[in-house]
Amino acid sequence: MFRTLRPRSALRTIKTCERSFITFPGTEPQHLTATRILPYPSSKLYNIVADIDSYSEFLPYCIGSKVTKWSNPDQNGKRWPAEADLSVGWGGYEETFTSKNFCVPDSIVEALGGSATTTLPKSDLPNYTAIDTPGPSNTTFSSLSTRWTLRPFHYKPPPAQGDPRTDNTNEDAREQTEVHLVLDFEFKNPIYAALSKAVAPKVAGMMIEAFEKRARRLLDGPGARVSGRDPLGEHFAGNKMGL
């Protein structure tokens, strides 16, 4: 009636835990957007966005910016940024990486890093080479894509409130521009992802606000419109033509 029971071994196989003792959140891809309508012609705003050499003067967390390679001349003889070295700093850390750049005059400025490649059609980039290849590798981003898109936004005042008979057809439409920023990125280093977790969702808004302040200073500041001159445009065009 009774069977001898064999005692089970007290030893059990323990599965090795492969999870790091310290985990870092936020290494997943981030997608951020921001849009503003600014009261300036798109051509003048475009010069500001495309002037990468000046980024370190006003962009948050950008402590260095230098264009290192230019496109072939366009039909007006201008060269546009093709590669740039950008230095960023936050939380006591500093990193420099190289971005690959594409400019569609008066419309789009794009900066790419890591494995990111452009989705712009080649027909929009006749002055660039090696369009399909990613930019130089770096230790900061696995992937980075920043695209500024500018569109003319002409505004005409509506009839006065409560008086539909008011006719504003003789009033010129105001030159305005819709500025749209799309920022997609993924950090390669999890430490940077952890450090930037609090500020990352705000970056797109901070960037577009910084450009708006830059535009106000350059386009509305003293001497900006003397004799109809555009000193920013002249300076930018001169540099890109090698003058």
C-alpha atoms as a PDB file:
ATOM      1  CA  MET A   1       0.000   0.000   0.000  1.00  0.00           C
ATOM      2  CA  PHE A   2       2.780   2.353   0.768  1.00  0.00           C
ATOM      3  CA  ARG A   3       5.304   3.463  -1.798  1.00  0.00           C
ATOM      4  CA  THR A   4       8.668   4.881  -1.070  1.00  0.00           C
ATOM      5  CA  LEU A   5       8.588   8.552  -2.029  1.00  0.00           C
ATOM      6  CA  ARG A   6      11.761   9.874  -3.562  1.00  0.00           C
ATOM      7  CA  PRO A   7      12.442  13.357  -2.169  1.00  0.00           C
ATOM      8  CA  ARG A   8      12.700  16.094  -4.765  1.00  0.00           C
ATOM      9  CA  SER A   9      15.997  17.821  -5.027  1.00  0.00           C
ATOM     10  CA  ALA A  10      16.118  21.140  -3.235  1.00  0.00           C
ATOM     11  CA  LEU A  11      18.315  22.496  -5.987  1.00  0.00           C
ATOM     12  CA  ARG A  12      16.521  24.331  -8.793  1.00  0.00           C
ATOM     13  CA  THR A  13      17.943  25.784 -11.978  1.00  0.00           C
ATOM     14  CA  ILE A  14      17.925  29.548 -11.694  1.00  0.00           C
ATOM     15  CA  LYS A  15      17.493  31.398 -14.971  1.00  0.00           C
ATOM     16  CA  THR A  16      20.193  33.962 -15.499  1.00  0.00           C
ATOM     17  CA  CYS A  17      18.837  37.495 -15.432  1.00  0.00           C
ATOM     18  CA  GLU A  18      20.190  39.432 -18.405  1.00  0.00           C
ATOM     19  CA  ARG A  19      18.596  42.736 -17.527  1.00  0.00           C
ATOM     20  CA  SER A  20      20.961  45.518 -16.581  1.00  0.00           C
ATOM     21  CA  PHE A  21      20.963  46.537 -12.928  1.00  0.00           C
ATOM     22  CA  ILE A  22      20.465  50.148 -14.052  1.00  0.00           C
ATOM     23  CA  THR A  23      17.966  50.792 -16.833  1.00  0.00           C
ATOM     24  CA  PHE A  24      17.760  53.918 -18.962  1.00  0.00           C
ATOM     25  CA  PRO A  25      14.400  54.993 -20.405  1.00  0.00           C
ATOM     26  CA  GLY A  26      13.806  56.873 -23.623  1.00  0.00           C
ATOM     27  CA  THR A  27      16.062  55.118 -26.155  1.00  0.00           C
ATOM     28  CA  GLU A  28      13.030  54.585 -28.370  1.00  0.00           C
ATOM     29  CA  PRO A  29      12.540  56.889 -31.389  1.00  0.00           C
ATOM     30  CA  GLN A  30      11.092  60.334 -30.675  1.00  0.00           C
ATOM     31  CA  HIS A  31       8.787  62.271 -33.035  1.00  0.00           C
ATOM     32  CA  LEU A  32       8.228  65.980 -32.399  1.00  0.00           C
ATOM     33  CA  THR A  33       6.542  68.724 -34.415  1.00  0.00           C
ATOM     34  CA  ALA A  34       5.913  72.452 -34.097  1.00  0.00           C
ATOM     35  CA  THR A  35       4.297  75.053 -36.364  1.00  0.00           C
ATOM     36  CA  ARG A  36       4.252  78.846 -36.347  1.00  0.00           C
ATOM     37  CA  ILE A  37       2.912  81.503 -38.706  1.00  0.00           C
ATOM     38  CA  LEU A  38       5.390  84.375 -38.821  1.00  0.00           C
ATOM     39  CA  PRO A  39       4.804  87.848 -40.316  1.00  0.00           C
ATOM     40  CA  TYR A  40       7.761  87.764 -42.735  1.00  0.00           C
ATOM     41  CA  PRO A  41       8.326  86.733 -46.371  1.00  0.00           C
ATOM     42  CA  SER A  42       9.352  83.094 -46.745  1.00  0.00           C
ATOM     43  CA  SER A  43      12.534  83.991 -48.655  1.00  0.00           C
ATOM     44  CA  LYS A  44      13.907  86.037 -45.750  1.00  0.00           C
ATOM     45  CA  LEU A  45      12.981  83.426 -43.149  1.00  0.00           C
ATOM     46  CA  TYR A  46      14.557  80.742 -45.302  1.00  0.00           C
ATOM     47  CA  ASN A  47      17.923  82.502 -45.209  1.00  0.00           C
ATOM     48  CA  ILE A  48      17.808  82.398 -41.410  1.00  0.00           C
ATOM     49  CA  VAL A  49      16.954  78.689 -41.263  1.00  0.00           C
ATOM     50  CA  ALA A  50      19.614  77.795 -43.850  1.00  0.00           C
ATOM     51  CA  ASP A  51      22.352  79.832 -42.118  1.00  0.00           C
ATOM     52  CA  ILE A  52      23.690  76.849 -40.157  1.00  0.00           C
ATOM     53  CA  ASP A  53      26.949  78.644 -39.299  1.00  0.00           C
ATOM     54  CA  SER A  54      24.923  80.961 -37.035  1.00  0.00           C
ATOM     55  CA  TYR A  55      22.985  78.268 -35.148  1.00  0.00           C
ATOM     56  CA  SER A  56      25.286  78.378 -32.136  1.00  0.00           C
ATOM     57  CA  GLU A  57      24.429  82.061 -31.646  1.00  0.00           C
ATOM     58  CA  PHE A  58      20.782  81.453 -30.788  1.00  0.00           C
ATOM     59  CA  LEU A  59      19.662  77.794 -30.797  1.00  0.00           C
ATOM     60  CA  PRO A  60      19.182  76.150 -27.373  1.00  0.00           C
ATOM     61  CA  TYR A  61      21.848  73.547 -26.505  1.00  0.00           C
ATOM     62  CA  CYS A  62      23.830  74.294 -29.694  1.00  0.00           C
ATOM     63  CA  ILE A  63      27.318  75.396 -28.655  1.00  0.00           C
ATOM     64  CA  GLY A  64      29.044  75.091 -32.029  1.00  0.00           C
ATOM     65  CA  SER A  65      28.006  75.066 -35.700  1.00  0.00           C
ATOM     66  CA  LYS A  66      30.159  75.034 -38.817  1.00  0.00           C
ATOM     67  CA  VAL A  67      29.314  74.127 -42.415  1.00  0.00           C
ATOM     68  CA  THR A  68      32.098  71.880 -43.735  1.00  0.00           C
ATOM     69  CA  LYS A  69      30.785  71.019 -47.198  1.00  0.00           C
ATOM     70  CA  TRP A  70      28.672  72.905 -49.731  1.00  0.00           C
ATOM     71  CA  SER A  71      26.418  71.911 -52.612  1.00  0.00           C
ATOM     72  CA  ASN A  72      27.207  72.633 -56.240  1.00  0.00           C
ATOM     73  CA  PRO A  73      26.082  76.125 -57.331  1.00  0.00           C
ATOM     74  CA  ASP A  74      22.387  76.499 -58.115  1.00  0.00           C
ATOM     75  CA  GLN A  75      21.018  78.462 -61.084  1.00  0.00           C
ATOM     76  CA  ASN A  76      21.712  81.721 -59.223  1.00  0.00           C
ATOM     77  CA  GLY A  77      25.278  80.755 -58.352  1.00  0.00           C
ATOM     78  CA  LYS A  78      24.518  80.092 -54.671  1.00  0.00           C
ATOM     79  CA  ARG A  79      25.899  77.144 -52.766  1.00  0.00           C
ATOM     80  CA  TRP A  80      23.905  75.627 -49.909  1.00  0.00           C
ATOM     81  CA  PRO A  81      25.015  73.577 -46.871  1.00  0.00           C
ATOM     82  CA  ALA A  82      25.720  69.898 -47.631  1.00  0.00           C
ATOM     83  CA  GLU A  83      27.450  68.847 -44.387  1.00  0.00           C
ATOM     84  CA  ALA A  84      27.955  70.569 -41.048  1.00  0.00           C
ATOM     85  CA  ASP A  85      29.607  69.890 -37.703  1.00  0.00           C
ATOM     86  CA  LEU A  86      27.246  70.609 -34.817  1.00  0.00           C
ATOM     87  CA  SER A  87      28.205  70.611 -31.150  1.00  0.00           C
ATOM     88  CA  VAL A  88      25.496  70.175 -28.532  1.00  0.00           C
ATOM     89  CA  GLY A  89      25.743  70.378 -24.777  1.00  0.00           C
ATOM     90  CA  TRP A  90      23.431  69.693 -21.856  1.00  0.00           C
ATOM     91  CA  GLY A  91      23.703  68.326 -18.333  1.00  0.00           C
ATOM     92  CA  GLY A  92      27.478  68.761 -18.295  1.00  0.00           C
ATOM     93  CA  TYR A  93      27.928  66.650 -21.438  1.00  0.00           C
ATOM     94  CA  GLU A  94      29.140  67.857 -24.833  1.00  0.00           C
ATOM     95  CA  GLU A  95      29.101  66.012 -28.149  1.00  0.00           C
ATOM     96  CA  THR A  96      29.962  66.937 -31.728  1.00  0.00           C
ATOM     97  CA  PHE A  97      28.413  65.173 -34.698  1.00  0.00           C
ATOM     98  CA  THR A  98      28.291  65.686 -38.446  1.00  0.00           C
ATOM     99  CA  SER A  99      24.958  66.222 -40.166  1.00  0.00           C
ATOM    100  CA  LYS A 100      24.152  65.709 -43.822  1.00  0.00           C
ATOM    101  CA  ASN A 101      22.157  68.646 -45.157  1.00  0.00           C
ATOM    102  CA  PHE A 102      19.798  69.280 -48.054  1.00  0.00           C
ATOM    103  CA  CYS A 103      18.293  72.618 -49.048  1.00  0.00           C
ATOM    104  CA  VAL A 104      15.391  73.234 -51.414  1.00  0.00           C
ATOM    105  CA  PRO A 105      15.667  77.041 -51.814  1.00  0.00           C
ATOM    106  CA  ASP A 106      12.895  79.041 -50.147  1.00  0.00           C
ATOM    107  CA  SER A 107      11.105  75.846 -49.123  1.00  0.00           C
ATOM    108  CA  ILE A 108      12.944  73.103 -47.172  1.00  0.00           C
ATOM    109  CA  VAL A 109      16.040  72.747 -44.996  1.00  0.00           C
ATOM    110  CA  GLU A 110      16.825  69.206 -43.867  1.00  0.00           C
ATOM    111  CA  ALA A 111      19.545  67.879 -41.554  1.00  0.00           C
ATOM    112  CA  LEU A 112      20.223  64.146 -41.199  1.00  0.00           C
ATOM    113  CA  GLY A 113      22.420  62.101 -38.915  1.00  0.00           C
ATOM    114  CA  GLY A 114      23.094  58.447 -38.128  1.00  0.00           C
ATOM    115  CA  SER A 115      21.183  56.012 -40.321  1.00  0.00           C
ATOM    116  CA  ALA A 116      18.598  58.565 -41.501  1.00  0.00           C
ATOM    117  CA  THR A 117      18.284  59.206 -45.241  1.00  0.00           C
ATOM    118  CA  THR A 118      16.276  61.814 -47.087  1.00  0.00           C
ATOM    119  CA  THR A 119      12.816  61.199 -48.506  1.00  0.00           C
ATOM    120  CA  LEU A 120      13.027  64.253 -50.754  1.00  0.00           C
ATOM    121  CA  PRO A 121      12.787  63.491 -54.486  1.00  0.00           C
ATOM    122  CA  LYS A 122      16.047  63.777 -56.391  1.00  0.00           C
ATOM    123  CA  SER A 123      14.405  66.265 -58.728  1.00  0.00           C
ATOM    124  CA  ASP A 124      14.307  68.724 -55.802  1.00  0.00           C
ATOM    125  CA  LEU A 125      18.049  68.302 -55.166  1.00  0.00           C
ATOM    126  CA  PRO A 126      19.811  68.836 -58.516  1.00  0.00           C
ATOM    127  CA  ASN A 127      22.867  70.428 -56.875  1.00  0.00           C
ATOM    128  CA  TYR A 128      23.614  67.586 -54.450  1.00  0.00           C
ATOM    129  CA  THR A 129      25.514  64.299 -54.767  1.00  0.00           C
ATOM    130  CA  ALA A 130      25.332  61.025 -52.780  1.00  0.00           C
ATOM    131  CA  ILE A 131      21.689  61.736 -52.032  1.00  0.00           C
ATOM    132  CA  ASP A 132      20.682  58.178 -51.070  1.00  0.00           C
ATOM    133  CA  THR A 133      23.510  57.506 -48.622  1.00  0.00           C
ATOM    134  CA  PRO A 134      23.265  58.236 -44.887  1.00  0.00           C
ATOM    135  CA  GLY A 135      25.476  60.821 -43.275  1.00  0.00           C
ATOM    136  CA  PRO A 136      28.716  60.127 -41.384  1.00  0.00           C
ATOM    137  CA  SER A 137      28.344  57.866 -38.354  1.00  0.00           C
ATOM    138  CA  ASN A 138      28.447  59.428 -34.907  1.00  0.00           C
ATOM    139  CA  THR A 139      28.294  58.457 -31.239  1.00  0.00           C
ATOM    140  CA  THR A 140      25.329  60.696 -30.389  1.00  0.00           C
ATOM    141  CA  PHE A 141      22.376  59.618 -32.523  1.00  0.00           C
ATOM    142  CA  SER A 142      21.353  56.289 -33.997  1.00  0.00           C
ATOM    143  CA  SER A 143      19.115  58.342 -36.252  1.00  0.00           C
ATOM    144  CA  LEU A 144      18.345  62.044 -36.625  1.00  0.00           C
ATOM    145  CA  SER A 145      16.071  63.833 -39.082  1.00  0.00           C
ATOM    146  CA  THR A 146      15.269  67.528 -38.803  1.00  0.00           C
ATOM    147  CA  ARG A 147      13.142  69.100 -41.514  1.00  0.00           C
ATOM    148  CA  TRP A 148      12.052  72.723 -41.772  1.00  0.00           C
ATOM    149  CA  THR A 149       9.301  73.440 -44.291  1.00  0.00           C
ATOM    150  CA  LEU A 150       8.345  77.018 -45.189  1.00  0.00           C
ATOM    151  CA  ARG A 151       5.197  77.949 -47.117  1.00  0.00           C
ATOM    152  CA  PRO A 152       3.898  81.420 -48.039  1.00  0.00           C
ATOM    153  CA  PHE A 153       0.798  82.210 -46.007  1.00  0.00           C
ATOM    154  CA  HIS A 154      -0.934  85.279 -47.411  1.00  0.00           C
ATOM    155  CA  TYR A 155      -3.415  86.850 -45.019  1.00  0.00           C
ATOM    156  CA  LYS A 156      -6.091  89.355 -45.989  1.00  0.00           C
ATOM    157  CA  PRO A 157      -8.089  91.073 -43.217  1.00  0.00           C
ATOM    158  CA  PRO A 158     -11.750  89.964 -43.124  1.00  0.00           C
ATOM    159  CA  PRO A 159     -14.646  92.458 -43.173  1.00  0.00           C
ATOM    160  CA  ALA A 160     -15.117  94.437 -39.975  1.00  0.00           C
ATOM    161  CA  GLN A 161     -17.064  92.491 -37.385  1.00  0.00           C
ATOM    162  CA  GLY A 162     -20.788  93.193 -37.611  1.00  0.00           C
ATOM    163  CA  ASP A 163     -20.454  95.075 -40.911  1.00  0.00           C
ATOM    164  CA  PRO A 164     -20.392  92.650 -43.893  1.00  0.00           C
ATOM    165  CA  ARG A 165     -20.476  95.651 -46.243  1.00  0.00           C
ATOM    166  CA  THR A 166     -16.892  96.497 -45.340  1.00  0.00           C
ATOM    167  CA  ASP A 167     -14.745  95.881 -48.399  1.00  0.00           C
ATOM    168  CA  ASN A 168     -11.034  95.159 -47.944  1.00  0.00           C
ATOM    169  CA  THR A 169     -10.343  94.080 -51.515  1.00  0.00           C
ATOM    170  CA  ASN A 170      -8.098  97.088 -52.070  1.00  0.00           C
ATOM    171  CA  GLU A 171      -5.916  96.221 -49.094  1.00  0.00           C
ATOM    172  CA  ASP A 172      -2.835  94.184 -49.944  1.00  0.00           C
ATOM    173  CA  ALA A 173      -2.518  90.720 -48.442  1.00  0.00           C
ATOM    174  CA  ARG A 174       0.131  90.576 -45.742  1.00  0.00           C
ATOM    175  CA  GLU A 175       3.212  88.498 -46.475  1.00  0.00           C
ATOM    176  CA  GLN A 176       3.393  85.768 -43.877  1.00  0.00           C
ATOM    177  CA  THR A 177       4.997  82.345 -43.727  1.00  0.00           C
ATOM    178  CA  GLU A 178       3.935  79.058 -42.192  1.00  0.00           C
ATOM    179  CA  VAL A 179       7.006  77.474 -40.612  1.00  0.00           C
ATOM    180  CA  HIS A 180       6.690  73.759 -39.855  1.00  0.00           C
ATOM    181  CA  LEU A 181       9.350  71.746 -38.009  1.00  0.00           C
ATOM    182  CA  VAL A 182       9.463  67.937 -37.857  1.00  0.00           C
ATOM    183  CA  LEU A 183      12.096  66.365 -35.613  1.00  0.00           C
ATOM    184  CA  ASP A 184      12.686  62.588 -35.482  1.00  0.00           C
ATOM    185  CA  PHE A 185      15.572  61.230 -33.453  1.00  0.00           C
ATOM    186  CA  GLU A 186      16.863  58.313 -31.436  1.00  0.00           C
ATOM    187  CA  PHE A 187      19.879  58.541 -29.150  1.00  0.00           C
ATOM    188  CA  LYS A 188      22.616  55.961 -29.510  1.00  0.00           C
ATOM    189  CA  ASN A 189      23.816  56.433 -25.941  1.00  0.00           C
ATOM    190  CA  PRO A 190      21.154  55.546 -23.317  1.00  0.00           C
ATOM    191  CA  ILE A 191      22.734  57.972 -20.869  1.00  0.00           C
ATOM    192  CA  TYR A 192      21.915  60.874 -23.189  1.00  0.00           C
ATOM    193  CA  ALA A 193      18.369  59.586 -23.542  1.00  0.00           C
ATOM    194  CA  ALA A 194      17.979  59.541 -19.765  1.00  0.00           C
ATOM    195  CA  LEU A 195      19.475  63.007 -19.316  1.00  0.00           C
ATOM    196  CA  SER A 196      17.266  64.541 -21.997  1.00  0.00           C
ATOM    197  CA  LYS A 197      14.038  62.821 -20.950  1.00  0.00           C
ATOM    198  CA  ALA A 198      12.539  65.902 -19.285  1.00  0.00           C
ATOM    199  CA  VAL A 199      13.449  68.412 -21.982  1.00  0.00           C
ATOM    200  CA  ALA A 200      13.142  66.307 -25.176  1.00  0.00           C
ATOM    201  CA  PRO A 201       9.360  66.782 -25.671  1.00  0.00           C
ATOM    202  CA  LYS A 202       9.871  70.555 -25.569  1.00  0.00           C
ATOM    203  CA  VAL A 203      12.774  70.747 -28.022  1.00  0.00           C
ATOM    204  CA  ALA A 204      10.760  71.382 -31.209  1.00  0.00           C
ATOM    205  CA  GLY A 205       8.851  74.255 -29.610  1.00  0.00           C
ATOM    206  CA  MET A 206      12.061  75.715 -28.191  1.00  0.00           C
ATOM    207  CA  MET A 207      13.776  75.556 -31.584  1.00  0.00           C
ATOM    208  CA  ILE A 208      10.991  77.234 -33.520  1.00  0.00           C
ATOM    209  CA  GLU A 209      10.670  79.911 -30.828  1.00  0.00           C
ATOM    210  CA  ALA A 210      14.410  80.579 -31.055  1.00  0.00           C
ATOM    211  CA  PHE A 211      14.139  81.056 -34.829  1.00  0.00           C
ATOM    212  CA  GLU A 212      11.184  83.402 -34.357  1.00  0.00           C
ATOM    213  CA  LYS A 213      13.199  85.568 -31.960  1.00  0.00           C
ATOM    214  CA  ARG A 214      16.135  85.504 -34.377  1.00  0.00           C
ATOM    215  CA  ALA A 215      13.863  86.653 -37.218  1.00  0.00           C
ATOM    216  CA  ARG A 216      12.456  89.502 -35.151  1.00  0.00           C
ATOM    217  CA  ARG A 217      15.927  90.715 -34.244  1.00  0.00           C
ATOM    218  CA  LEU A 218      17.305  90.543 -37.783  1.00  0.00           C
ATOM    219  CA  LEU A 219      14.239  91.600 -39.767  1.00  0.00           C
ATOM    220  CA  ASP A 220      12.670  94.110 -37.378  1.00  0.00           C
ATOM    221  CA  GLY A 221      15.811  95.403 -35.705  1.00  0.00           C
ATOM    222  CA  PRO A 222      17.499  98.796 -36.300  1.00  0.00           C
ATOM    223  CA  GLY A 223      18.599  99.239 -39.909  1.00  0.00           C
ATOM    224  CA  ALA A 224      16.939  96.033 -41.115  1.00  0.00           C
ATOM    225  CA  ARG A 225      14.734  97.823 -43.619  1.00  0.00           C
ATOM    226  CA  VAL A 226      16.717 100.953 -44.429  1.00  0.00           C
ATOM    227  CA  SER A 227      16.352 101.820 -48.131  1.00  0.00           C
ATOM    228  CA  GLY A 228      14.606  98.503 -48.719  1.00  0.00           C
ATOM    229  CA  ARG A 229      17.828  96.532 -48.134  1.00  0.00           C
ATOM    230  CA  ASP A 230      17.914  93.082 -46.605  1.00  0.00           C
ATOM    231  CA  PRO A 231      21.312  92.902 -44.849  1.00  0.00           C
ATOM    232  CA  LEU A 232      20.772  89.297 -43.803  1.00  0.00           C
ATOM    233  CA  GLY A 233      20.051  88.184 -47.359  1.00  0.00           C
ATOM    234  CA  GLU A 234      23.046  90.071 -48.717  1.00  0.00           C
ATOM    235  CA  HIS A 235      25.365  88.625 -46.091  1.00  0.00           C
ATOM    236  CA  PHE A 236      24.099  85.073 -46.586  1.00  0.00           C
ATOM    237  CA  ALA A 237      24.201  85.208 -50.382  1.00  0.00           C
ATOM    238  CA  GLY A 238      27.677  86.723 -50.346  1.00  0.00           C
ATOM    239  CA  ASN A 239      29.081  83.966 -48.165  1.00  0.00           C
ATOM    240  CA  LYS A 240      27.560  81.214 -50.248  1.00  0.00           C
ATOM    241  CA  MET A 241      28.932  82.692 -53.486  1.00  0.00           C
ATOM    242  CA  GLY A 242      32.417  82.917 -52.005  1.00  0.00           C
ATOM    243  CA  LEU A 243      32.448  86.714 -51.766  1.00  0.00           C
END
